[in-house]
Protein backbone atom coordinates (compact mmCIF):
# COMPACT_ATOMS: atom_id res chain seq x y z
CA UNK A 1 -0.18 -0.08 -0.12
CA UNK A 2 2.68 2.40 0.73
CA UNK A 3 3.98 1.86 -3.23
CA UNK A 4 0.49 2.98 -4.15
CA UNK A 5 0.17 5.73 -1.73
CA UNK A 6 3.31 7.13 -3.15
CA UNK A 7 1.56 9.27 -5.76
CA UNK A 8 3.28 11.87 -7.97
CA UNK A 9 1.69 15.08 -9.17
CA UNK A 10 0.64 14.91 -12.52
CA UNK A 11 1.97 18.45 -13.42
CA UNK A 12 5.60 19.30 -14.92
CA UNK A 13 8.38 20.49 -12.17
CA UNK A 14 11.70 20.65 -11.98
CA UNK A 15 11.91 19.09 -7.83
CA UNK A 16 10.47 15.46 -8.54
CA UNK A 17 11.51 12.78 -11.05
CA UNK A 18 8.16 12.74 -12.37
CA UNK A 19 6.75 10.70 -15.58
CA UNK A 20 8.91 11.29 -18.69
CA UNK A 21 7.00 11.33 -21.92
CA UNK A 22 10.48 11.03 -24.12
CA UNK A 23 11.41 8.05 -21.93
CA UNK A 24 7.71 6.60 -22.06
CA UNK A 25 7.29 6.71 -25.99
CA UNK A 26 10.85 5.40 -26.29
CA UNK A 27 10.60 2.60 -24.51
CA UNK A 28 7.50 1.80 -25.84
CA UNK A 29 8.31 1.90 -29.65
CA UNK A 30 11.72 -0.31 -28.30
CA UNK A 31 9.23 -3.13 -26.97
CA UNK A 32 7.25 -3.12 -30.30
CA UNK A 33 10.42 -3.30 -32.02
CA UNK A 34 12.18 -6.25 -30.35
CA UNK A 35 8.66 -8.14 -30.60
CA UNK A 36 8.36 -7.52 -33.97
CA UNK A 37 12.18 -9.21 -34.54
CA UNK A 38 10.88 -12.07 -32.33
CA UNK A 39 7.59 -12.73 -34.15
CA UNK A 40 9.70 -12.27 -37.16
CA UNK A 41 7.55 -9.86 -38.90
CA UNK A 42 7.97 -7.18 -41.22
CA UNK A 43 5.94 -4.32 -39.55
CA UNK A 44 3.17 -3.82 -37.56
CA UNK A 45 -0.15 -2.29 -39.37
CA UNK A 46 -2.05 -0.71 -36.57
CA UNK A 47 -5.71 0.63 -36.10
CA UNK A 48 -6.86 0.29 -32.79
CA UNK A 49 -6.70 3.87 -30.91
CA UNK A 50 -5.00 2.90 -28.06
CA UNK A 51 -1.92 1.00 -29.71
CA UNK A 52 -1.91 3.68 -32.01
CA UNK A 53 -1.08 6.21 -28.97
CA UNK A 54 1.31 3.33 -27.87
CA UNK A 55 3.16 3.54 -30.69
CA UNK A 56 3.02 7.09 -31.88
CA UNK A 57 2.22 9.00 -28.65
CA UNK A 58 -0.94 10.94 -30.41
CA UNK A 59 -4.37 10.56 -29.80
CA UNK A 60 -7.74 11.14 -31.52
CA UNK A 61 -11.09 10.27 -30.30
CA UNK A 62 -10.48 7.28 -28.71
CA UNK A 63 -13.99 6.09 -28.76
CA UNK A 64 -15.27 7.27 -31.62
CA UNK A 65 -12.40 6.06 -33.75
CA UNK A 66 -12.51 2.95 -31.86
CA UNK A 67 -15.20 1.91 -34.09
CA UNK A 68 -13.91 3.03 -37.38
CA UNK A 69 -11.27 2.53 -39.74
CA UNK A 70 -9.77 6.15 -39.80
CA UNK A 71 -5.99 7.02 -38.59
CA UNK A 72 -3.31 4.14 -38.53
CA UNK A 73 0.01 3.90 -38.04
CA UNK A 74 2.85 1.49 -39.29
CA UNK A 75 5.95 0.38 -36.98
CA UNK A 76 8.76 -0.86 -38.93
CA UNK A 77 11.00 -3.66 -37.64
CA UNK A 78 14.26 -1.66 -37.42
CA UNK A 79 13.05 1.83 -37.09
CA UNK A 80 10.31 4.78 -35.90
CA UNK A 81 6.65 4.37 -36.21
CA UNK A 82 5.18 6.33 -39.12
CA UNK A 83 1.32 7.94 -38.57
CA UNK A 84 -1.18 8.21 -41.15
CA UNK A 85 -2.73 11.10 -39.68
CA UNK A 86 -5.85 12.54 -40.97
CA UNK A 87 -5.28 15.97 -43.64
CA UNK A 88 -6.22 19.00 -42.48
CA UNK A 89 -5.86 20.60 -38.87
CA UNK A 90 -4.89 17.31 -37.04
CA UNK A 91 -1.39 17.30 -39.46
CA UNK A 92 -0.94 21.29 -38.75
CA UNK A 93 -1.56 20.12 -34.84
CA UNK A 94 0.98 17.64 -35.37
CA UNK A 95 4.01 19.99 -36.94
CA UNK A 96 3.06 22.41 -33.73
CA UNK A 97 3.05 19.82 -31.03
CA UNK A 98 4.84 16.46 -32.06
CA UNK A 99 8.26 16.89 -33.22
CA UNK A 100 9.34 13.19 -32.16
CA UNK A 101 7.16 12.39 -35.64
CA UNK A 102 8.99 14.78 -37.52
CA UNK A 103 9.45 13.17 -41.12
CA UNK A 104 6.94 10.09 -40.24
CA UNK A 105 3.71 11.50 -40.73
CA UNK A 106 1.71 10.51 -44.28
CA UNK A 107 -2.04 11.41 -44.88
CA UNK A 108 -4.52 8.79 -43.95
CA UNK A 109 -6.54 7.34 -46.45
CA UNK A 110 -10.18 7.14 -45.32
CA UNK A 111 -11.44 4.35 -47.38
CA UNK A 112 -14.47 3.09 -45.37
CA UNK A 113 -16.33 6.17 -45.90
CA UNK A 114 -15.64 6.41 -49.67
CA UNK A 115 -18.80 5.85 -50.86
CA UNK A 116 -19.29 3.95 -54.18
CA UNK A 117 -15.21 5.09 -54.91
CA UNK A 118 -14.57 2.41 -51.55
CA UNK A 119 -13.09 -0.03 -53.71
CA UNK A 120 -10.96 2.71 -55.86
CA UNK A 121 -9.98 3.73 -52.40
CA UNK A 122 -9.35 0.70 -50.24
CA UNK A 123 -7.01 0.08 -53.34
CA UNK A 124 -5.01 3.28 -53.16
CA UNK A 125 -4.64 2.70 -49.30
CA UNK A 126 -3.12 -0.55 -49.98
CA UNK A 127 -0.61 1.02 -52.54
CA UNK A 128 0.24 3.21 -50.78
CA UNK A 129 1.04 0.76 -47.74
CA UNK A 130 3.26 -1.17 -49.92
CA UNK A 131 5.26 1.48 -51.30
CA UNK A 132 6.24 2.83 -47.74
CA UNK A 133 7.37 -0.85 -46.70
CA UNK A 134 9.17 -1.18 -50.04
CA UNK A 135 10.99 2.00 -49.04
CA UNK A 136 11.78 1.04 -45.62
CA UNK A 137 13.15 -2.25 -47.40
CA UNK A 138 10.09 -4.90 -46.09
CA UNK A 139 8.52 -5.05 -49.30
CA UNK A 140 8.49 -8.71 -49.08
CA UNK A 141 8.18 -8.89 -45.02
CA UNK A 142 4.74 -10.21 -43.62
CA UNK A 143 2.75 -7.23 -41.97
CA UNK A 144 0.73 -7.58 -38.94
CA UNK A 145 -2.72 -6.26 -38.25
CA UNK A 146 -4.44 -5.52 -35.24
CA UNK A 147 -7.66 -5.49 -36.78
CA UNK A 148 -8.87 -5.89 -40.46
CA UNK A 149 -12.09 -6.44 -42.60
CA UNK A 150 -12.78 -7.97 -46.00
CA UNK A 151 -12.15 -4.89 -47.70
CA UNK A 152 -8.66 -4.51 -46.33
CA UNK A 153 -7.64 -8.25 -46.90
CA UNK A 154 -8.49 -8.27 -50.78
CA UNK A 155 -6.73 -4.71 -51.20
CA UNK A 156 -3.72 -6.00 -49.29
CA UNK A 157 -3.64 -9.37 -51.58
CA UNK A 158 -3.97 -7.43 -54.52
CA UNK A 159 -0.97 -5.14 -53.53
CA UNK A 160 1.31 -8.72 -52.99
CA UNK A 161 1.64 -7.66 -49.35
CA UNK A 162 1.60 -10.64 -47.23
CA UNK A 163 -0.62 -10.41 -43.74
CA UNK A 164 -1.05 -12.29 -40.39
CA UNK A 165 -2.54 -11.50 -36.89
CA UNK A 166 -0.22 -8.94 -35.57
CA UNK A 167 -2.08 -8.83 -31.62
CA UNK A 168 0.56 -11.78 -30.33
CA UNK A 169 3.42 -9.50 -31.79
CA UNK A 170 1.25 -6.08 -29.77
CA UNK A 171 0.28 -8.31 -26.75
CA UNK A 172 3.75 -9.14 -25.78
CA UNK A 173 5.23 -5.82 -26.11
CA UNK A 174 2.41 -4.40 -23.53
CA UNK A 175 1.66 -6.87 -21.20
CA UNK A 176 4.80 -5.76 -18.87
CA UNK A 177 4.61 -2.46 -18.14
CA UNK A 178 7.32 0.38 -18.18
CA UNK A 179 8.31 2.51 -14.99
CA UNK A 180 6.52 5.78 -16.76
CA UNK A 181 3.51 3.36 -17.43
CA UNK A 182 2.98 2.42 -13.88
CA UNK A 183 2.62 5.92 -13.12
CA UNK A 184 0.48 6.34 -15.19
CA UNK A 185 -1.84 3.43 -13.84
CA UNK A 186 -0.97 4.27 -10.10
CA UNK A 187 -2.81 7.91 -11.45
CA UNK A 188 -5.64 6.76 -13.22
CA UNK A 189 -6.49 4.06 -10.11
CA UNK A 190 -6.32 7.14 -7.25
CA UNK A 191 -8.92 8.78 -9.75
CA UNK A 192 -10.75 6.37 -9.74
CA UNK A 193 -10.85 5.54 -5.89
CA UNK A 194 -11.74 9.47 -5.68
CA UNK A 195 -15.06 8.79 -7.80
CA UNK A 196 -15.87 5.91 -5.59
CA UNK A 197 -15.63 8.11 -2.71
CA UNK A 198 -17.46 10.62 -4.26
CA UNK A 199 -20.16 7.99 -5.47
CA UNK A 200 -20.81 6.93 -1.97
CA UNK A 201 -21.64 9.92 -0.63
CA UNK A 202 -24.12 10.67 -3.38
CA UNK A 203 -26.03 6.95 -2.91
CA UNK A 204 -29.72 7.44 -0.65
CA UNK A 205 -32.78 6.48 -1.30
CA UNK A 206 -34.40 8.01 -4.60
CA UNK A 207 -31.21 8.75 -6.23
CA UNK A 208 -31.07 7.16 -9.96
CA UNK A 209 -28.37 5.19 -11.68
CA UNK A 210 -28.13 7.85 -13.72
CA UNK A 211 -27.58 10.57 -11.68
CA UNK A 212 -24.69 8.16 -9.94
CA UNK A 213 -22.71 7.50 -12.95
CA UNK A 214 -23.25 11.38 -13.42
CA UNK A 215 -21.41 12.02 -9.93
CA UNK A 216 -18.67 9.55 -10.74
CA UNK A 217 -18.33 10.92 -14.49
CA UNK A 218 -17.74 14.20 -12.89
CA UNK A 219 -14.94 13.11 -10.64
CA UNK A 220 -13.15 11.27 -13.55
CA UNK A 221 -12.93 14.22 -16.08
CA UNK A 222 -12.42 16.80 -13.69
CA UNK A 223 -9.52 15.00 -12.35
CA UNK A 224 -7.74 14.33 -15.86
CA UNK A 225 -9.41 11.42 -17.21
CA UNK A 226 -9.34 11.73 -21.06
CA UNK A 227 -12.36 9.39 -21.53
CA UNK A 228 -14.52 6.64 -19.70
CA UNK A 229 -14.54 3.51 -21.31
CA UNK A 230 -17.69 2.22 -19.06
CA UNK A 231 -19.73 2.83 -15.82
CA UNK A 232 -21.78 0.13 -14.55
CA UNK A 233 -24.04 1.39 -11.22
CA UNK A 234 -26.63 -1.84 -10.19
CA UNK A 235 -28.84 -1.63 -7.42
CA UNK A 236 -30.82 -3.75 -5.09
CA UNK A 237 -32.37 -6.38 -7.89
CA UNK A 238 -30.15 -5.27 -10.34
CA UNK A 239 -27.25 -7.16 -8.92
CA UNK A 240 -28.79 -10.95 -9.04
CA UNK A 241 -28.62 -11.48 -11.92
CA UNK A 242 -26.12 -8.62 -12.25
CA UNK A 243 -26.99 -5.82 -15.04
CA UNK A 244 -24.00 -4.93 -16.10
CA UNK A 245 -25.46 -1.11 -17.16
CA UNK A 246 -26.95 1.89 -16.10
CA UNK A 247 -30.57 2.44 -15.67
CA UNK A 248 -33.04 5.04 -14.36
CA UNK A 249 -33.82 2.81 -11.50
CA UNK A 250 -33.99 4.38 -7.78
CA UNK A 251 -31.82 3.41 -5.34
CA UNK A 252 -33.98 1.78 -2.18
CA UNK A 253 -33.18 1.61 1.26
CA UNK A 254 -30.68 -1.21 2.13
CA UNK A 255 -30.29 -2.01 -1.18
CA UNK A 256 -26.54 -3.11 -2.37
CA UNK A 257 -25.05 -0.54 -5.30
CA UNK A 258 -22.34 -2.26 -7.64
CA UNK A 259 -19.93 0.52 -8.87
CA UNK A 260 -17.66 -0.84 -11.63
CA UNK A 261 -15.85 1.84 -13.37
CA UNK A 262 -13.41 1.95 -15.91
CA UNK A 263 -12.12 5.20 -17.12
CA UNK A 264 -9.38 5.88 -19.58
CA UNK A 265 -6.99 7.86 -17.55
CA UNK A 266 -4.38 10.21 -18.17
CA UNK A 267 -1.80 8.82 -20.77
CA UNK A 268 -4.74 6.70 -22.11
CA UNK A 269 -3.66 4.24 -19.42
CA UNK A 270 -6.74 2.36 -17.98
CA UNK A 271 -8.16 1.26 -14.77
CA UNK A 272 -11.03 -1.47 -13.80
CA UNK A 273 -12.20 -1.11 -10.30
CA UNK A 274 -15.43 -2.37 -8.60
CA UNK A 275 -16.91 -1.76 -5.23
CA UNK A 276 -19.90 -2.83 -3.60
CA UNK A 277 -21.72 -0.28 -1.41
CA UNK A 278 -24.86 -0.10 1.02
CA UNK A 279 -27.57 2.52 1.02
CA UNK A 280 -28.31 3.07 4.50
CA UNK A 281 -26.28 2.58 7.90
CA UNK A 282 -26.81 -1.40 8.83
CA UNK A 283 -26.39 -4.22 6.82
CA UNK A 284 -28.62 -7.54 6.75
CA UNK A 285 -26.75 -10.51 8.03
CA UNK A 286 -27.62 -12.03 4.40
CA UNK A 287 -25.79 -9.09 2.89
CA UNK A 288 -22.54 -9.47 5.23
CA UNK A 289 -22.47 -13.38 4.01
CA UNK A 290 -22.26 -12.08 0.92
CA UNK A 291 -19.94 -9.64 1.27
CA UNK A 292 -17.59 -11.79 2.83
CA UNK A 293 -18.15 -14.72 0.36
CA UNK A 294 -17.11 -12.34 -2.34
CA UNK A 295 -14.39 -10.69 -0.54
CA UNK A 296 -13.02 -14.22 0.15
CA UNK A 297 -12.77 -15.35 -3.26
CA UNK A 298 -10.98 -12.14 -3.95
CA UNK A 299 -8.77 -12.72 -1.69
CA UNK A 300 -7.86 -16.53 -2.54
CA UNK A 301 -7.30 -15.51 -5.85
CA UNK A 302 -4.75 -12.87 -4.93
CA UNK A 303 -2.56 -15.09 -2.69
CA UNK A 304 -1.72 -17.27 -5.81
CA UNK A 305 -0.25 -13.79 -7.43
CA UNK A 306 3.22 -13.50 -7.90
CA UNK A 307 6.13 -13.34 -10.68
CA UNK A 308 6.33 -16.54 -12.15
CA UNK A 309 2.93 -18.42 -10.89
CA UNK A 310 0.89 -20.29 -13.11
CA UNK A 311 -2.09 -18.81 -14.46
CA UNK A 312 -3.98 -22.13 -13.96
CA UNK A 313 -3.44 -22.04 -10.22
CA UNK A 314 -4.97 -18.87 -10.31
CA UNK A 315 -7.88 -20.09 -12.04
CA UNK A 316 -8.17 -23.28 -9.80
CA UNK A 317 -8.81 -20.35 -6.78
CA UNK A 318 -11.85 -18.94 -8.89
CA UNK A 319 -14.95 -20.45 -8.01
CA UNK A 320 -17.20 -22.23 -10.91
CA UNK A 321 -19.73 -19.80 -9.87
CA UNK A 322 -22.98 -18.84 -12.27
CA UNK A 323 -20.91 -19.04 -15.33
CA UNK A 324 -19.64 -22.52 -14.75
CA UNK A 325 -17.13 -21.32 -17.25
CA UNK A 326 -14.37 -24.67 -17.06
CA UNK A 327 -17.91 -26.60 -18.03
CA UNK A 328 -18.98 -24.34 -21.00
CA UNK A 329 -15.69 -23.31 -22.07
CA UNK A 330 -16.33 -19.99 -22.31
CA UNK A 331 -16.67 -17.40 -19.67
CA UNK A 332 -18.86 -14.77 -18.41
CA UNK A 333 -16.28 -12.20 -17.16
CA UNK A 334 -17.33 -12.89 -13.58
CA UNK A 335 -14.90 -14.73 -12.06
CA UNK A 336 -11.79 -13.49 -13.84
CA UNK A 337 -8.72 -11.82 -14.09
CA UNK A 338 -7.17 -9.66 -16.98
CA UNK A 339 -4.15 -7.63 -17.76
CA UNK A 340 -4.40 -3.67 -17.77
CA UNK A 341 -2.55 -0.67 -19.58
CA UNK A 342 -3.08 1.42 -22.09
CA UNK A 343 -6.28 -0.66 -22.79
CA UNK A 344 -8.77 -1.96 -21.07
CA UNK A 345 -8.14 -5.90 -21.44
CA UNK A 346 -4.60 -6.87 -22.23
CA UNK A 347 -2.66 -10.42 -21.18
CA UNK A 348 -2.66 -12.29 -19.39
CA UNK A 349 -6.48 -13.34 -19.27
CA UNK A 350 -6.96 -15.76 -16.72
CA UNK A 351 -10.41 -18.04 -16.13
CA UNK A 352 -11.09 -21.36 -15.42
CA UNK A 353 -12.88 -21.53 -19.27
CA UNK A 354 -8.92 -21.94 -20.58
CA UNK A 355 -6.19 -21.45 -18.00
CA UNK A 356 -6.49 -24.69 -16.10
CA UNK A 357 -5.61 -26.48 -20.05
CA UNK A 358 -3.58 -23.75 -21.16
CA UNK A 359 -1.52 -22.32 -18.59
CA UNK A 360 1.16 -19.17 -18.88
CA UNK A 361 3.80 -17.56 -16.34
CA UNK A 362 2.89 -14.30 -14.63
CA UNK A 363 5.76 -11.62 -15.21
CA UNK A 364 7.16 -9.02 -12.75
CA UNK A 365 5.36 -5.45 -14.07
CA UNK A 366 2.06 -6.94 -15.31
CA UNK A 367 -0.65 -5.20 -13.87
CA UNK A 368 -3.90 -7.14 -13.55
CA UNK A 369 -7.48 -6.39 -12.74
CA UNK A 370 -9.11 -9.42 -10.38
CA UNK A 371 -12.65 -9.79 -10.59
CA UNK A 372 -15.29 -11.73 -8.48
CA UNK A 373 -18.78 -12.26 -7.32
CA UNK A 374 -20.96 -13.60 -5.11
CA UNK A 375 -24.99 -14.22 -5.61
CA UNK A 376 -26.99 -17.65 -6.08
CA UNK A 377 -29.49 -17.99 -8.47
CA UNK A 378 -32.78 -16.98 -7.10
CA UNK A 379 -31.49 -14.88 -4.22
CA UNK A 380 -32.66 -10.89 -3.76
CA UNK A 381 -28.99 -9.24 -4.41
CA UNK A 382 -25.74 -10.02 -5.00
CA UNK A 383 -21.84 -8.58 -4.51
CA UNK A 384 -19.19 -7.51 -7.16
CA UNK A 385 -15.35 -6.70 -6.40
CA UNK A 386 -12.43 -6.19 -7.92
CA UNK A 387 -9.26 -4.81 -7.66
CA UNK A 388 -6.16 -3.59 -9.22
CA UNK A 389 -2.50 -4.64 -8.85
CA UNK A 390 1.23 -5.17 -9.67
CA UNK A 391 2.68 -8.39 -10.38
CA UNK A 392 6.17 -8.38 -7.78
CA UNK A 393 8.58 -11.04 -7.47
CA UNK A 394 7.61 -11.68 -3.86
CA UNK A 395 3.31 -11.26 -4.43
CA UNK A 396 1.73 -7.85 -5.85
CA UNK A 397 0.84 -4.36 -4.78
CA UNK A 398 -2.41 -3.09 -4.74
CA UNK A 399 -3.53 -0.02 -6.97
CA UNK A 400 -6.84 -0.17 -5.57
CA UNK A 401 -6.56 0.89 -2.16
CA UNK A 402 -9.89 2.52 -1.72
CA UNK A 403 -11.29 0.85 1.15
CA UNK A 404 -14.33 -1.68 1.07
CA UNK A 405 -17.09 -1.05 2.32
CA UNK A 406 -16.87 -1.56 6.51
CA UNK A 407 -20.84 -1.83 6.98
CA UNK A 408 -20.68 -4.70 5.04
CA UNK A 409 -17.16 -6.37 5.77
CA UNK A 410 -16.65 -7.88 8.94
CA UNK A 411 -13.07 -8.11 9.59
């Protein structure tokens, strides 16, 4: 806890060694270049805005561009990334504010919204990619894609560009975090804790889920988050079965209230942080029992976490629960653990559905979100808890240090 509470300020100062953006960008590119060599790829072609950010240190409307093929980056194996930016003010902005990209910015071809001329536009897009690959000496090398659709793949084939799945390369680069990434993740987690505190103070009979979400959103944005990927406010009957949404349902006396907050914080680094709270001062025995059950699951899982640990050993501690993940060979993300970083879901991915048969090893400086749930079918309410932590050689360090509800947890 001392490590997580040793939080840096967010301003640039001369009296502390804080986040160093130049070091951050260079170390991320170095990791991508190393993984390109390891995976025997010539380049990565990246559309996901989180990983365009990782490669280039630039941003553009994360959630908006996540759903569309807009700007993109080409990361050659042995040289600096090339950003394909929207023409117009975005390119002018880069000239003023992104000197590290000097000479490495090209115009983006927005083929997805070219209407009846889409085929010609996507062919031009592929031709320009081909030309740059040849200039980089990579014309005959395979290119890893982080996403694609049928128009892209047909155009790449016609341009004689070899392509394959690029996500294993990206995920191997991002799965462990650098010094500066860990600082960003600490800041995002701290902001999320503040948002939970403000939400707790707003919980009262008659307050609607949307109002609580508004309190959380105001805290997140005012303290520096760049975007909000998800907020869940589930109260009373919406906690079992667990409704992962926000609604206009009013909170009632003695309701349990699940708050699951997933912001994209400063630097695009994420948190995924859940607490269950009580509306009122006195919990029932049933509510305390549910909370103890969920908290117990969480502690059992986290006790298995340390660098070198097998994900099978961690999954073994997860209850089968409502989702029956092992039997069904899929997961409902109720008893689950996943990596956190510049994207909300990164390696490792841990579940009874697949980790028992296909284990991997945890590494130092991985950052995990560990999530659990308690609430049997037919019961009136349920409890959801989730912690964020950094894997260390001897165990872990919590990032999510906002306290659990003492009205429900009897330690």
